[in-house]
């Protein structure tokens, strides 16, 4: 199990324990976390699972692929060059057993 924390703009925090291999987007949608839409179902085609990864976790993330890089230019809230990622492309486990993300104010 991995620990995943979603920080909302109003200060609320949703903390989930998820199975290894679960993406940030899938965990949010399955558990009703507000602010994550996941419209394309995890195909890196819509940017509605945009999150800002908290600084202490950035070094543990996999690199950004070409599809994700392109979609990050289409986010509703401004892209942060260092912290913006698509939740569908971040899977917990394999060295990423804990992750904290900030949810943007808007996804669409």
Protein backbone atom coordinates (compact mmCIF):
# COMPACT_ATOMS: atom_id res chain seq x y z
CA UNK A 1 0.00 0.00 0.00
CA UNK A 2 1.06 3.56 -0.71
CA UNK A 3 -0.02 6.85 0.85
CA UNK A 4 -1.36 9.60 -1.41
CA UNK A 5 -2.36 13.07 -0.19
CA UNK A 6 -4.40 15.56 -2.24
CA UNK A 7 -4.19 19.16 -1.02
CA UNK A 8 -7.08 21.40 -2.10
CA UNK A 9 -6.95 25.15 -2.63
CA UNK A 10 -9.30 25.67 0.36
CA UNK A 11 -6.84 23.91 2.70
CA UNK A 12 -8.68 20.57 2.88
CA UNK A 13 -6.64 17.41 2.42
CA UNK A 14 -7.77 13.99 1.20
CA UNK A 15 -5.42 11.20 2.31
CA UNK A 16 -5.74 7.79 0.65
CA UNK A 17 -4.02 4.45 0.96
CA UNK A 18 -3.83 2.88 -2.48
CA UNK A 19 -2.53 -0.33 -3.99
CA UNK A 20 0.87 -0.37 -5.64
CA UNK A 21 0.53 0.40 -9.34
CA UNK A 22 -2.45 2.74 -8.90
CA UNK A 23 -2.17 6.07 -10.70
CA UNK A 24 -2.83 9.37 -8.97
CA UNK A 25 -5.73 10.00 -11.37
CA UNK A 26 -7.33 6.57 -10.85
CA UNK A 27 -7.01 6.87 -7.06
CA UNK A 28 -8.70 10.28 -7.13
CA UNK A 29 -11.55 9.31 -9.46
CA UNK A 30 -12.23 6.00 -7.70
CA UNK A 31 -12.35 7.68 -4.30
CA UNK A 32 -14.34 10.78 -5.29
CA UNK A 33 -11.56 13.31 -4.73
CA UNK A 34 -12.94 16.63 -5.93
CA UNK A 35 -10.91 18.58 -8.46
CA UNK A 36 -9.63 15.62 -10.49
CA UNK A 37 -11.76 14.86 -13.55
CA UNK A 38 -9.78 12.23 -15.48
CA UNK A 39 -11.95 12.79 -18.56
CA UNK A 40 -9.86 10.66 -20.96
CA UNK A 41 -9.58 7.75 -18.52
CA UNK A 42 -5.80 7.89 -18.18
CA UNK A 43 -4.62 8.16 -21.78
CA UNK A 44 -2.71 11.47 -21.34
CA UNK A 45 -5.08 13.13 -23.81
CA UNK A 46 -7.05 15.71 -21.80
CA UNK A 47 -5.01 17.28 -18.94
CA UNK A 48 -8.01 17.07 -16.54
CA UNK A 49 -5.91 15.24 -13.97
CA UNK A 50 -3.30 18.00 -13.72
CA UNK A 51 -1.61 18.18 -10.31
CA UNK A 52 1.24 20.13 -8.76
CA UNK A 53 3.63 17.70 -7.05
CA UNK A 54 4.90 18.96 -3.72
CA UNK A 55 8.65 19.74 -3.82
CA UNK A 56 9.81 16.97 -1.46
CA UNK A 57 8.66 14.31 -3.95
CA UNK A 58 9.94 15.66 -7.26
CA UNK A 59 13.18 13.66 -7.30
CA UNK A 60 11.26 10.37 -6.92
CA UNK A 61 9.12 10.83 -10.05
CA UNK A 62 9.63 9.17 -13.43
CA UNK A 63 10.55 11.43 -16.34
CA UNK A 64 7.90 13.20 -18.40
CA UNK A 65 7.04 11.46 -21.68
CA UNK A 66 6.30 13.28 -24.94
CA UNK A 67 2.50 12.90 -24.66
CA UNK A 68 2.46 14.21 -21.11
CA UNK A 69 4.76 17.08 -22.04
CA UNK A 70 2.40 18.12 -24.83
CA UNK A 71 -0.73 17.91 -22.68
CA UNK A 72 0.84 19.92 -19.85
CA UNK A 73 0.81 22.88 -22.25
CA UNK A 74 -3.01 22.59 -22.33
CA UNK A 75 -3.83 22.76 -18.60
CA UNK A 76 -6.64 25.04 -17.39
CA UNK A 77 -4.53 26.41 -14.53
CA UNK A 78 -1.01 27.61 -15.35
CA UNK A 79 1.69 25.02 -15.79
CA UNK A 80 4.47 25.08 -13.22
CA UNK A 81 7.64 24.05 -15.06
CA UNK A 82 8.94 22.10 -12.07
CA UNK A 83 5.82 20.76 -10.33
CA UNK A 84 3.10 20.17 -12.96
CA UNK A 85 2.33 16.57 -13.87
CA UNK A 86 -0.60 14.57 -15.17
CA UNK A 87 -1.96 12.32 -12.45
CA UNK A 88 -2.63 9.56 -14.98
CA UNK A 89 1.09 9.27 -15.63
CA UNK A 90 2.14 8.93 -11.99
CA UNK A 91 1.82 5.46 -10.50
CA UNK A 92 2.45 4.70 -6.86
CA UNK A 93 4.94 2.00 -5.87
CA UNK A 94 8.39 1.06 -7.17
CA UNK A 95 10.12 3.60 -4.95
CA UNK A 96 7.17 6.01 -4.88
CA UNK A 97 5.40 4.77 -1.76
CA UNK A 98 4.19 8.19 -0.66
CA UNK A 99 3.20 11.25 -2.68
CA UNK A 100 1.61 14.63 -1.95
CA UNK A 101 0.06 16.79 -4.64
CA UNK A 102 -1.74 20.11 -4.82
CA UNK A 103 -4.91 20.18 -6.91
CA UNK A 104 -5.23 23.18 -9.23
CA UNK A 105 -8.21 25.50 -8.86
CA UNK A 106 -9.61 24.41 -12.23
CA UNK A 107 -9.27 21.45 -14.60
CA UNK A 108 -11.51 22.65 -17.44
